[in-house]
C-alpha atoms as a PDB file:
ATOM      1  CA  MET A   1      17.681  14.046 -12.511  1.00  0.00           C
ATOM      2  CA  ARG A   2      15.176  11.510 -13.825  1.00  0.00           C
ATOM      3  CA  ALA A   3      11.742  11.218 -12.267  1.00  0.00           C
ATOM      4  CA  ILE A   4       8.172  10.161 -12.944  1.00  0.00           C
ATOM      5  CA  GLN A   5       5.882  13.103 -13.681  1.00  0.00           C
ATOM      6  CA  VAL A   6       2.086  13.297 -13.931  1.00  0.00           C
ATOM      7  CA  SER A   7       0.853  16.159 -16.126  1.00  0.00           C
ATOM      8  CA  GLU A   8      -2.780  15.028 -16.337  1.00  0.00           C
ATOM      9  CA  LEU A   9      -4.980  12.788 -14.229  1.00  0.00           C
ATOM     10  CA  GLY A  10      -5.886   9.378 -15.580  1.00  0.00           C
ATOM     11  CA  GLY A  11      -4.715   5.805 -16.034  1.00  0.00           C
ATOM     12  CA  PRO A  12      -1.226   4.385 -15.549  1.00  0.00           C
ATOM     13  CA  GLU A  13      -0.174   5.759 -18.928  1.00  0.00           C
ATOM     14  CA  VAL A  14       0.009   9.286 -17.441  1.00  0.00           C
ATOM     15  CA  LEU A  15       3.085   8.222 -15.438  1.00  0.00           C
ATOM     16  CA  ARG A  16       5.856   9.572 -17.648  1.00  0.00           C
ATOM     17  CA  TYR A  17       9.573   9.025 -17.087  1.00  0.00           C
ATOM     18  CA  THR A  18      11.276  12.345 -17.743  1.00  0.00           C
ATOM     19  CA  GLU A  19      14.090  14.705 -16.784  1.00  0.00           C
ATOM     20  CA  VAL A  20      13.400  17.384 -14.181  1.00  0.00           C
ATOM     21  CA  PRO A  21      15.559  19.801 -12.169  1.00  0.00           C
ATOM     22  CA  ASP A  22      17.152  18.524  -8.970  1.00  0.00           C
ATOM     23  CA  PRO A  23      15.209  19.684  -5.898  1.00  0.00           C
ATOM     24  CA  ALA A  24      16.579  22.542  -3.821  1.00  0.00           C
ATOM     25  CA  ILE A  25      16.422  22.036  -0.068  1.00  0.00           C
ATOM     26  CA  GLY A  26      15.510  24.432   2.705  1.00  0.00           C
ATOM     27  CA  PRO A  27      17.271  24.830   6.060  1.00  0.00           C
ATOM     28  CA  ASP A  28      15.144  22.112   7.705  1.00  0.00           C
ATOM     29  CA  GLN A  29      15.456  19.554   4.910  1.00  0.00           C
ATOM     30  CA  LEU A  30      17.689  16.789   3.617  1.00  0.00           C
ATOM     31  CA  LEU A  31      18.634  16.101   0.004  1.00  0.00           C
ATOM     32  CA  VAL A  32      18.605  12.335  -0.410  1.00  0.00           C
ATOM     33  CA  ASP A  33      19.965  10.136  -3.192  1.00  0.00           C
ATOM     34  CA  VAL A  34      17.153   7.611  -3.550  1.00  0.00           C
ATOM     35  CA  GLN A  35      17.907   3.881  -3.445  1.00  0.00           C
ATOM     36  CA  ALA A  36      14.355   2.511  -3.614  1.00  0.00           C
ATOM     37  CA  VAL A  37      10.782   3.875  -3.710  1.00  0.00           C
ATOM     38  CA  GLY A  38       7.673   2.311  -2.185  1.00  0.00           C
ATOM     39  CA  VAL A  39       4.566   2.056  -4.390  1.00  0.00           C
ATOM     40  CA  ASN A  40       1.238   2.338  -2.569  1.00  0.00           C
ATOM     41  CA  TYR A  41      -2.467   2.513  -3.366  1.00  0.00           C
ATOM     42  CA  ILE A  42      -2.564   6.144  -2.286  1.00  0.00           C
ATOM     43  CA  ASP A  43      -0.365   6.886  -5.323  1.00  0.00           C
ATOM     44  CA  ILE A  44      -3.163   5.521  -7.505  1.00  0.00           C
ATOM     45  CA  TYR A  45      -5.806   7.586  -5.675  1.00  0.00           C
ATOM     46  CA  PHE A  46      -3.864  10.770  -6.447  1.00  0.00           C
ATOM     47  CA  ARG A  47      -3.190   9.745 -10.052  1.00  0.00           C
ATOM     48  CA  ILE A  48      -6.870   9.176 -10.867  1.00  0.00           C
ATOM     49  CA  GLY A  49      -8.065  12.247  -8.956  1.00  0.00           C
ATOM     50  CA  GLN A  50      -9.839  10.412  -6.121  1.00  0.00           C
ATOM     51  CA  TYR A  51      -7.662  12.538  -3.849  1.00  0.00           C
ATOM     52  CA  PRO A  52      -7.356  16.038  -5.345  1.00  0.00           C
ATOM     53  CA  ARG A  53      -3.942  17.355  -6.336  1.00  0.00           C
ATOM     54  CA  GLU A  54      -2.683  19.992  -8.747  1.00  0.00           C
ATOM     55  CA  VAL A  55      -0.784  18.883 -11.841  1.00  0.00           C
ATOM     56  CA  PRO A  56       1.954  18.574 -12.873  1.00  0.00           C
ATOM     57  CA  TYR A  57       3.448  16.701  -9.951  1.00  0.00           C
ATOM     58  CA  ILE A  58       5.929  13.937  -9.146  1.00  0.00           C
ATOM     59  CA  PRO A  59       4.096  11.080  -7.383  1.00  0.00           C
ATOM     60  CA  GLY A  60       5.134   9.080  -4.366  1.00  0.00           C
ATOM     61  CA  SER A  61       5.625   9.753  -0.674  1.00  0.00           C
ATOM     62  CA  GLU A  62       7.677   6.784   0.560  1.00  0.00           C
ATOM     63  CA  ALA A  63      11.297   5.880  -0.166  1.00  0.00           C
ATOM     64  CA  THR A  64      14.763   5.360   1.271  1.00  0.00           C
ATOM     65  CA  GLY A  65      18.222   6.551   0.386  1.00  0.00           C
ATOM     66  CA  VAL A  66      21.475   8.140   1.466  1.00  0.00           C
ATOM     67  CA  VAL A  67      21.714  11.742   2.673  1.00  0.00           C
ATOM     68  CA  ALA A  68      23.648  13.840   0.136  1.00  0.00           C
ATOM     69  CA  GLN A  69      23.130  17.295   1.658  1.00  0.00           C
ATOM     70  CA  VAL A  70      21.914  18.634   4.996  1.00  0.00           C
ATOM     71  CA  GLY A  71      20.037  21.889   5.606  1.00  0.00           C
ATOM     72  CA  ALA A  72      21.558  24.503   7.872  1.00  0.00           C
ATOM     73  CA  ASN A  73      19.143  23.851  10.766  1.00  0.00           C
ATOM     74  CA  VAL A  74      19.351  20.052  10.723  1.00  0.00           C
ATOM     75  CA  THR A  75      21.262  18.431  13.598  1.00  0.00           C
ATOM     76  CA  GLU A  76      19.810  14.904  13.735  1.00  0.00           C
ATOM     77  CA  PHE A  77      21.266  13.674  10.426  1.00  0.00           C
ATOM     78  CA  ALA A  78      24.557  13.924   8.531  1.00  0.00           C
ATOM     79  CA  VAL A  79      25.751  13.339   4.975  1.00  0.00           C
ATOM     80  CA  GLY A  80      26.047   9.605   4.365  1.00  0.00           C
ATOM     81  CA  ASP A  81      23.278   8.556   6.767  1.00  0.00           C
ATOM     82  CA  ARG A  82      20.683   6.081   5.541  1.00  0.00           C
ATOM     83  CA  VAL A  83      17.148   7.368   6.011  1.00  0.00           C
ATOM     84  CA  ALA A  84      13.628   6.356   5.065  1.00  0.00           C
ATOM     85  CA  TRP A  85      10.336   8.233   5.013  1.00  0.00           C
ATOM     86  CA  ALA A  86       6.639   7.785   4.358  1.00  0.00           C
ATOM     87  CA  ALA A  87       5.559  11.417   3.994  1.00  0.00           C
ATOM     88  CA  ALA A  88       7.819  13.288   1.566  1.00  0.00           C
ATOM     89  CA  PRO A  89       6.203  14.382  -1.724  1.00  0.00           C
ATOM     90  CA  ALA A  90       7.816  13.770  -5.119  1.00  0.00           C
ATOM     91  CA  SER A  91       9.488  10.498  -4.108  1.00  0.00           C
ATOM     92  CA  TYR A  92       9.290   8.829  -7.553  1.00  0.00           C
ATOM     93  CA  ALA A  93      12.657  10.377  -8.400  1.00  0.00           C
ATOM     94  CA  GLU A  94      16.407   9.940  -8.228  1.00  0.00           C
ATOM     95  CA  ARG A  95      16.719  12.702  -5.611  1.00  0.00           C
ATOM     96  CA  VAL A  96      14.185  13.922  -3.060  1.00  0.00           C
ATOM     97  CA  ALA A  97      14.012  16.896  -0.699  1.00  0.00           C
ATOM     98  CA  VAL A  98      12.875  15.407   2.619  1.00  0.00           C
ATOM     99  CA  ASP A  99      11.813  17.350   5.693  1.00  0.00           C
ATOM    100  CA  ALA A 100      14.096  16.215   8.500  1.00  0.00           C
ATOM    101  CA  ALA A 101      11.009  16.023  10.716  1.00  0.00           C
ATOM    102  CA  VAL A 102       9.680  13.028   8.721  1.00  0.00           C
ATOM    103  CA  ALA A 103      12.991  11.240   8.104  1.00  0.00           C
ATOM    104  CA  ILE A 104      13.735   8.044  10.019  1.00  0.00           C
ATOM    105  CA  ALA A 105      17.184   6.512  10.513  1.00  0.00           C
ATOM    106  CA  VAL A 106      17.442   3.061   8.949  1.00  0.00           C
ATOM    107  CA  PRO A 107      19.023   0.388  11.167  1.00  0.00           C
ATOM    108  CA  ASP A 108      21.897  -1.733   9.898  1.00  0.00           C
ATOM    109  CA  GLY A 109      20.767  -4.914   8.218  1.00  0.00           C
ATOM    110  CA  VAL A 110      17.568  -3.487   6.694  1.00  0.00           C
ATOM    111  CA  GLU A 111      17.947  -3.643   2.923  1.00  0.00           C
ATOM    112  CA  PRO A 112      16.894  -0.626   0.793  1.00  0.00           C
ATOM    113  CA  ALA A 113      13.974  -2.400  -0.903  1.00  0.00           C
ATOM    114  CA  VAL A 114      12.620  -3.360   2.515  1.00  0.00           C
ATOM    115  CA  ALA A 115      13.199   0.054   4.085  1.00  0.00           C
ATOM    116  CA  ALA A 116      11.500   1.741   1.128  1.00  0.00           C
ATOM    117  CA  SER A 117       8.324  -0.263   1.533  1.00  0.00           C
ATOM    118  CA  ALA A 118       8.155  -0.858   5.290  1.00  0.00           C
ATOM    119  CA  LEU A 119       7.118   2.440   6.811  1.00  0.00           C
ATOM    120  CA  LEU A 120       3.776   3.345   5.246  1.00  0.00           C
ATOM    121  CA  GLN A 121       2.431  -0.198   5.406  1.00  0.00           C
ATOM    122  CA  GLY A 122       4.190  -1.067   8.643  1.00  0.00           C
ATOM    123  CA  MET A 123       3.062   2.046  10.495  1.00  0.00           C
ATOM    124  CA  THR A 124      -0.464   1.531   9.148  1.00  0.00           C
ATOM    125  CA  ALA A 125      -0.508  -1.949  10.664  1.00  0.00           C
ATOM    126  CA  HIS A 126       1.001  -0.515  13.851  1.00  0.00           C
ATOM    127  CA  TYR A 127      -1.674   2.124  14.419  1.00  0.00           C
ATOM    128  CA  LEU A 128      -4.456  -0.318  13.504  1.00  0.00           C
ATOM    129  CA  LEU A 129      -3.292  -2.752  16.170  1.00  0.00           C
ATOM    130  CA  GLU A 130      -1.912  -0.362  18.782  1.00  0.00           C
ATOM    131  CA  SER A 131      -4.364   2.542  18.519  1.00  0.00           C
ATOM    132  CA  ILE A 132      -7.569   1.417  16.751  1.00  0.00           C
ATOM    133  CA  TYR A 133      -8.240  -2.061  18.129  1.00  0.00           C
ATOM    134  CA  THR A 134      -5.721  -4.186  20.038  1.00  0.00           C
ATOM    135  CA  PRO A 135      -6.867  -7.813  20.044  1.00  0.00           C
ATOM    136  CA  LYS A 136      -6.674  -9.681  23.313  1.00  0.00           C
ATOM    137  CA  GLN A 137      -5.090 -13.093  23.677  1.00  0.00           C
ATOM    138  CA  GLY A 138      -7.333 -15.620  21.925  1.00  0.00           C
ATOM    139  CA  GLU A 139      -9.611 -13.093  20.195  1.00  0.00           C
ATOM    140  CA  THR A 140     -10.396 -13.627  16.523  1.00  0.00           C
ATOM    141  CA  VAL A 141      -9.948 -10.850  13.950  1.00  0.00           C
ATOM    142  CA  LEU A 142     -10.464 -10.671  10.182  1.00  0.00           C
ATOM    143  CA  VAL A 143      -7.870  -9.183   7.838  1.00  0.00           C
ATOM    144  CA  HIS A 144      -8.909  -8.570   4.239  1.00  0.00           C
ATOM    145  CA  ALA A 145      -6.324  -8.864   1.446  1.00  0.00           C
ATOM    146  CA  GLY A 146      -4.207 -11.045   3.681  1.00  0.00           C
ATOM    147  CA  ALA A 147      -1.418 -11.464   1.110  1.00  0.00           C
ATOM    148  CA  GLY A 148      -1.051  -7.729   0.466  1.00  0.00           C
ATOM    149  CA  GLY A 149       1.633  -5.594   2.045  1.00  0.00           C
ATOM    150  CA  VAL A 150      -0.414  -4.384   5.011  1.00  0.00           C
ATOM    151  CA  GLY A 151      -2.225  -7.701   5.302  1.00  0.00           C
ATOM    152  CA  LEU A 152       0.961  -9.722   5.733  1.00  0.00           C
ATOM    153  CA  ILE A 153       2.302  -7.300   8.349  1.00  0.00           C
ATOM    154  CA  LEU A 154      -1.014  -7.123  10.216  1.00  0.00           C
ATOM    155  CA  THR A 155      -1.225 -10.898  10.339  1.00  0.00           C
ATOM    156  CA  GLN A 156       2.270 -11.242  11.795  1.00  0.00           C
ATOM    157  CA  LEU A 157       1.774  -8.521  14.403  1.00  0.00           C
ATOM    158  CA  ALA A 158      -1.710  -9.652  15.435  1.00  0.00           C
ATOM    159  CA  THR A 159      -0.578 -13.266  15.723  1.00  0.00           C
ATOM    160  CA  ALA A 160       2.351 -12.146  17.900  1.00  0.00           C
ATOM    161  CA  LYS A 161      -0.231 -10.607  20.259  1.00  0.00           C
ATOM    162  CA  GLY A 162      -1.954 -13.966  20.554  1.00  0.00           C
ATOM    163  CA  ALA A 163      -4.878 -13.218  18.243  1.00  0.00           C
ATOM    164  CA  ARG A 164      -6.429 -15.797  15.940  1.00  0.00           C
ATOM    165  CA  VAL A 165      -6.323 -14.276  12.453  1.00  0.00           C
ATOM    166  CA  ILE A 166      -8.720 -15.060   9.621  1.00  0.00           C
ATOM    167  CA  THR A 167      -7.753 -13.589   6.249  1.00  0.00           C
ATOM    168  CA  THR A 168      -9.254 -13.267   2.796  1.00  0.00           C
ATOM    169  CA  VAL A 169      -7.249 -13.793  -0.413  1.00  0.00           C
ATOM    170  CA  SER A 170      -7.997 -14.368  -4.091  1.00  0.00           C
ATOM    171  CA  SER A 171      -5.795 -17.343  -5.022  1.00  0.00           C
ATOM    172  CA  ASP A 172      -4.063 -20.472  -3.757  1.00  0.00           C
ATOM    173  CA  ALA A 173      -0.658 -18.805  -4.062  1.00  0.00           C
ATOM    174  CA  LYS A 174      -1.820 -15.896  -1.912  1.00  0.00           C
ATOM    175  CA  GLU A 175      -3.335 -18.318   0.595  1.00  0.00           C
ATOM    176  CA  LYS A 176       0.085 -19.944   1.002  1.00  0.00           C
ATOM    177  CA  LEU A 177       1.701 -16.585   1.742  1.00  0.00           C
ATOM    178  CA  SER A 178      -1.032 -15.659   4.207  1.00  0.00           C
ATOM    179  CA  ARG A 179      -0.682 -18.918   6.101  1.00  0.00           C
ATOM    180  CA  GLU A 180       3.092 -18.500   6.223  1.00  0.00           C
ATOM    181  CA  ALA A 181       2.496 -15.110   7.888  1.00  0.00           C
ATOM    182  CA  GLY A 182       0.468 -16.824  10.616  1.00  0.00           C
ATOM    183  CA  ALA A 183      -3.159 -16.839   9.429  1.00  0.00           C
ATOM    184  CA  ALA A 184      -5.154 -19.562  11.187  1.00  0.00           C
ATOM    185  CA  GLU A 185      -7.898 -19.620   8.536  1.00  0.00           C
ATOM    186  CA  VAL A 186      -7.787 -18.301   4.962  1.00  0.00           C
ATOM    187  CA  LEU A 187     -10.972 -17.604   2.984  1.00  0.00           C
ATOM    188  CA  ARG A 188     -11.810 -16.533  -0.550  1.00  0.00           C
ATOM    189  CA  TYR A 189     -14.025 -13.460  -0.956  1.00  0.00           C
ATOM    190  CA  ASP A 190     -17.319 -15.307  -1.479  1.00  0.00           C
ATOM    191  CA  ASP A 191     -19.793 -15.762   1.385  1.00  0.00           C
ATOM    192  CA  VAL A 192     -17.349 -14.359   3.946  1.00  0.00           C
ATOM    193  CA  PRO A 193     -19.816 -13.508   6.766  1.00  0.00           C
ATOM    194  CA  ALA A 194     -21.337 -17.005   6.846  1.00  0.00           C
ATOM    195  CA  ARG A 195     -17.923 -18.642   6.830  1.00  0.00           C
ATOM    196  CA  VAL A 196     -16.650 -16.296   9.553  1.00  0.00           C
ATOM    197  CA  ARG A 197     -19.695 -17.093  11.704  1.00  0.00           C
ATOM    198  CA  ALA A 198     -19.076 -20.813  11.195  1.00  0.00           C
ATOM    199  CA  LEU A 199     -15.466 -20.372  12.336  1.00  0.00           C
ATOM    200  CA  THR A 200     -16.480 -18.390  15.427  1.00  0.00           C
ATOM    201  CA  ASP A 201     -19.401 -20.493  16.698  1.00  0.00           C
ATOM    202  CA  GLY A 202     -21.821 -17.908  15.344  1.00  0.00           C
ATOM    203  CA  VAL A 203     -20.334 -15.040  17.356  1.00  0.00           C
ATOM    204  CA  GLY A 204     -18.355 -13.097  14.735  1.00  0.00           C
ATOM    205  CA  VAL A 205     -14.951 -11.452  14.963  1.00  0.00           C
ATOM    206  CA  ALA A 206     -13.817  -8.783  17.405  1.00  0.00           C
ATOM    207  CA  ALA A 207     -12.429  -6.571  14.630  1.00  0.00           C
ATOM    208  CA  VAL A 208     -12.154  -6.372  10.856  1.00  0.00           C
ATOM    209  CA  TYR A 209      -9.199  -4.581   9.267  1.00  0.00           C
ATOM    210  CA  ASP A 210     -10.444  -3.680   5.786  1.00  0.00           C
ATOM    211  CA  GLY A 211      -8.276  -1.992   3.175  1.00  0.00           C
ATOM    212  CA  VAL A 212     -10.360  -3.213   0.218  1.00  0.00           C
ATOM    213  CA  GLY A 213     -13.384  -0.943   0.664  1.00  0.00           C
ATOM    214  CA  ALA A 214     -16.496  -1.070  -1.487  1.00  0.00           C
ATOM    215  CA  ALA A 215     -16.317  -4.766  -2.385  1.00  0.00           C
ATOM    216  CA  THR A 216     -15.861  -5.999   1.190  1.00  0.00           C
ATOM    217  CA  PHE A 217     -17.528  -3.373   3.409  1.00  0.00           C
ATOM    218  CA  GLU A 218     -20.942  -5.033   3.727  1.00  0.00           C
ATOM    219  CA  GLY A 219     -19.362  -8.400   4.432  1.00  0.00           C
ATOM    220  CA  SER A 220     -17.070  -6.800   6.990  1.00  0.00           C
ATOM    221  CA  LEU A 221     -20.019  -5.355   8.912  1.00  0.00           C
ATOM    222  CA  ALA A 222     -21.843  -8.685   8.800  1.00  0.00           C
ATOM    223  CA  SER A 223     -18.777 -10.517  10.151  1.00  0.00           C
ATOM    224  CA  LEU A 224     -18.518  -8.522  13.384  1.00  0.00           C
ATOM    225  CA  ARG A 225     -19.584  -9.643  16.823  1.00  0.00           C
ATOM    226  CA  VAL A 226     -21.664  -7.404  19.070  1.00  0.00           C
ATOM    227  CA  ARG A 227     -19.708  -4.174  19.739  1.00  0.00           C
ATOM    228  CA  GLY A 228     -17.147  -5.176  17.125  1.00  0.00           C
ATOM    229  CA  MET A 229     -14.809  -2.700  15.409  1.00  0.00           C
ATOM    230  CA  LEU A 230     -14.508  -2.181  11.647  1.00  0.00           C
ATOM    231  CA  ALA A 231     -11.357  -0.277  10.704  1.00  0.00           C
ATOM    232  CA  LEU A 232     -11.768   0.791   7.065  1.00  0.00           C
ATOM    233  CA  PHE A 233      -8.258   1.986   6.242  1.00  0.00           C
ATOM    234  CA  GLY A 234      -8.332   1.886   2.439  1.00  0.00           C
ATOM    235  CA  GLY A 235     -10.436   1.482  -0.685  1.00  0.00           C
ATOM    236  CA  ALA A 236      -8.575  -0.681  -3.170  1.00  0.00           C
ATOM    237  CA  SER A 237     -11.897  -1.693  -4.766  1.00  0.00           C
ATOM    238  CA  GLY A 238     -13.337   1.831  -4.619  1.00  0.00           C
ATOM    239  CA  PRO A 239     -14.859   4.123  -1.989  1.00  0.00           C
ATOM    240  CA  VAL A 240     -17.656   2.895   0.265  1.00  0.00           C
ATOM    241  CA  PRO A 241     -21.011   4.567  -0.540  1.00  0.00           C
ATOM    242  CA  PRO A 242     -22.778   6.529   2.213  1.00  0.00           C
ATOM    243  CA  PHE A 243     -24.798   4.356   4.591  1.00  0.00           C
ATOM    244  CA  ASP A 244     -27.285   4.783   7.418  1.00  0.00           C
ATOM    245  CA  LEU A 245     -25.559   4.992  10.807  1.00  0.00           C
ATOM    246  CA  GLN A 246     -28.630   3.457  12.433  1.00  0.00           C
ATOM    247  CA  ARG A 247     -27.504   0.153  10.947  1.00  0.00           C
ATOM    248  CA  LEU A 248     -24.661   0.090  13.467  1.00  0.00           C
ATOM    249  CA  ASN A 249     -27.259   0.044  16.238  1.00  0.00           C
ATOM    250  CA  SER A 250     -29.381  -2.754  14.803  1.00  0.00           C
ATOM    251  CA  SER A 251     -26.322  -4.858  13.969  1.00  0.00           C
ATOM    252  CA  GLY A 252     -25.125  -4.918  17.575  1.00  0.00           C
ATOM    253  CA  SER A 253     -23.786  -1.470  18.522  1.00  0.00           C
ATOM    254  CA  LEU A 254     -20.919  -1.732  16.066  1.00  0.00           C
ATOM    255  CA  PHE A 255     -18.019   0.693  15.647  1.00  0.00           C
ATOM    256  CA  VAL A 256     -16.699   1.930  12.287  1.00  0.00           C
ATOM    257  CA  THR A 257     -13.693   4.194  11.779  1.00  0.00           C
ATOM    258  CA  ARG A 258     -12.021   5.546   8.645  1.00  0.00           C
ATOM    259  CA  PRO A 259      -8.479   6.317   9.863  1.00  0.00           C
ATOM    260  CA  SER A 260      -5.423   7.674   8.076  1.00  0.00           C
ATOM    261  CA  LEU A 261      -1.726   7.391   8.869  1.00  0.00           C
ATOM    262  CA  GLY A 262      -1.399  11.179   9.063  1.00  0.00           C
ATOM    263  CA  ALA A 263      -3.846  11.342  11.945  1.00  0.00           C
ATOM    264  CA  TYR A 264      -1.855   8.702  13.810  1.00  0.00           C
ATOM    265  CA  THR A 265       1.563  10.297  13.300  1.00  0.00           C
ATOM    266  CA  ARG A 266       0.630  13.763  14.506  1.00  0.00           C
ATOM    267  CA  ASP A 267       4.039  14.687  15.917  1.00  0.00           C
ATOM    268  CA  ARG A 268       7.667  13.582  15.811  1.00  0.00           C
ATOM    269  CA  ALA A 269       7.349  11.472  18.960  1.00  0.00           C
ATOM    270  CA  GLU A 270       4.419   9.464  17.613  1.00  0.00           C
ATOM    271  CA  LEU A 271       6.111   9.024  14.231  1.00  0.00           C
ATOM    272  CA  LEU A 272       9.309   7.783  15.876  1.00  0.00           C
ATOM    273  CA  TRP A 273       7.372   5.369  18.109  1.00  0.00           C
ATOM    274  CA  ARG A 274       5.651   3.690  15.179  1.00  0.00           C
ATOM    275  CA  ALA A 275       8.550   3.797  12.712  1.00  0.00           C
ATOM    276  CA  THR A 276      11.127   2.627  15.238  1.00  0.00           C
ATOM    277  CA  ASP A 277       8.934  -0.268  16.365  1.00  0.00           C
ATOM    278  CA  VAL A 278       8.539  -1.392  12.744  1.00  0.00           C
ATOM    279  CA  LEU A 279      12.175  -1.008  11.653  1.00  0.00           C
ATOM    280  CA  ASN A 280      13.587  -2.531  14.837  1.00  0.00           C
ATOM    281  CA  ALA A 281      11.299  -5.551  14.450  1.00  0.00           C
ATOM    282  CA  ILE A 282      12.552  -5.997  10.884  1.00  0.00           C
ATOM    283  CA  ALA A 283      16.194  -5.643  11.968  1.00  0.00           C
ATOM    284  CA  ALA A 284      15.607  -8.179  14.758  1.00  0.00           C
ATOM    285  CA  GLY A 285      14.012 -10.647  12.357  1.00  0.00           C
ATOM    286  CA  THR A 286      10.672 -10.770  14.184  1.00  0.00           C
ATOM    287  CA  LEU A 287       8.811  -9.023  11.339  1.00  0.00           C
ATOM    288  CA  GLN A 288       9.232 -10.088   7.735  1.00  0.00           C
ATOM    289  CA  ILE A 289       8.528  -7.614   4.930  1.00  0.00           C
ATOM    290  CA  ARG A 290       7.836  -9.390   1.664  1.00  0.00           C
ATOM    291  CA  VAL A 291       8.924  -7.387  -1.374  1.00  0.00           C
ATOM    292  CA  GLY A 292       6.818  -9.095  -3.986  1.00  0.00           C
ATOM    293  CA  ALA A 293       8.054  -7.179  -7.035  1.00  0.00           C
ATOM    294  CA  SER A 294      10.731  -4.675  -8.003  1.00  0.00           C
ATOM    295  CA  TYR A 295      10.609  -2.446 -11.105  1.00  0.00           C
ATOM    296  CA  PRO A 296      12.997   0.106 -12.583  1.00  0.00           C
ATOM    297  CA  LEU A 297      11.765   3.645 -11.920  1.00  0.00           C
ATOM    298  CA  ALA A 298      11.094   4.009 -15.642  1.00  0.00           C
ATOM    299  CA  GLU A 299       8.504   1.197 -15.383  1.00  0.00           C
ATOM    300  CA  ALA A 300       6.254   2.904 -12.825  1.00  0.00           C
ATOM    301  CA  GLU A 301       3.349   2.567 -15.261  1.00  0.00           C
ATOM    302  CA  GLN A 302       3.603  -1.228 -15.192  1.00  0.00           C
ATOM    303  CA  ALA A 303       3.959  -1.234 -11.407  1.00  0.00           C
ATOM    304  CA  HIS A 304       0.685   0.688 -11.112  1.00  0.00           C
ATOM    305  CA  ARG A 305      -1.058  -1.648 -13.565  1.00  0.00           C
ATOM    306  CA  ASP A 306       0.037  -4.724 -11.640  1.00  0.00           C
ATOM    307  CA  LEU A 307      -0.911  -3.225  -8.267  1.00  0.00           C
ATOM    308  CA  ALA A 308      -4.384  -2.173  -9.447  1.00  0.00           C
ATOM    309  CA  ALA A 309      -4.970  -5.599 -11.007  1.00  0.00           C
ATOM    310  CA  ARG A 310      -4.042  -7.261  -7.694  1.00  0.00           C
ATOM    311  CA  GLN A 311      -1.316  -9.239  -9.452  1.00  0.00           C
ATOM    312  CA  THR A 312       1.241  -8.471  -6.748  1.00  0.00           C
ATOM    313  CA  THR A 313       1.796  -9.750  -3.224  1.00  0.00           C
ATOM    314  CA  GLY A 314       3.438  -7.971  -0.333  1.00  0.00           C
ATOM    315  CA  SER A 315       5.158  -4.672  -1.095  1.00  0.00           C
ATOM    316  CA  ILE A 316       6.397  -3.426  -4.463  1.00  0.00           C
ATOM    317  CA  VAL A 317       9.227  -0.999  -5.120  1.00  0.00           C
ATOM    318  CA  LEU A 318      10.746   1.144  -7.847  1.00  0.00           C
ATOM    319  CA  ILE A 319      14.527   1.302  -8.252  1.00  0.00           C
ATOM    320  CA  PRO A 320      15.999   4.512  -9.732  1.00  0.00           C
END
C-alpha cells in the first residue's frame, strides 16, 4: 500500500509518500480501507519532535473508512461497516489496523471527509465544554482561533448552551466564518484583554479555551474574571513557558488546566459518549463540520505547511 512515512524528525519535507507493507491485524483489530484522513496539530508536534516518537513511523491517528477484515475476537463490527477513529497510529495510509476498542460506527449521512475530521476536534470540544468548564446560560467565554476546526465546533456547542462567545481570528475571512458559527464578538489578536474587559463591563470571561499556547497564554489569563478557568488544550504557537503559580492567586484565584483527549476518553463508555454525541449532532444537522481543505495523501507535506502557516480554516483532510 501507499503511505506517508517519517524517517527523520524535521520540517514538512520529511513527510515522504512511499510504498510500505499492508498492516497485519490482531484478533482484537480491524483492517480498514481508508477513505479520508484527518490532519491535526498533534501530527506536527510528533513530526518536529515536540512529542517524542521513534522513527521511522507513519503519522496520523484519525481517519475513516470501510472495514475490510475483522479480527477473530471482534463482535461489534463486520466487513463493510463504516468506521471512524481518533486514536489509531499510522493513519496516513491506504489501509490501517485499528483496535476495535477505539473504532466508532459512522452514522448514515456523514460524509467521509467530515467523519475523518470530526472526532478528534469534536471530542476535544466536547470534553472542554462538558467536563472542563460548562458555561451557564448568559455567561461569556473566549475561544481563541475561532475559525479553526476546534474553534468553530466549540463556538457552535457553547452557543447552543446559551453562552455568549467571543472569539479571536487573524483575518476578515476568518471573522466571517466565526460569526457564522455563532460568535457574538470577534477580535483580532492585539490588545485582547482590554477589549474583552470592555465587552464584559470590566468583569472578564468565565472561561478561555486556548489552543494557541505561547502567543495567547498571557492574554488569556488577563481576560479571566475572578475564579475563571483557562483550558490550555494546545500549543499551535509553541509551548507555554513555566510560570509562577502564585500569579493565579493574585489574579483572582484563577484555574488553569492542560488537558488531553486521552485523559478524557479513558474507557470505551466515555469514548462512545463523546464520539456518539458529536457524530449524531452532525447527522442531525445541529453541528456543522467545516472541511476547509482536502489534499491527496501524496500532498501531506503541503497540508502540514498550510496548517502550520494558519492558512486553513476548519478541518483539513488527506484523501488516499
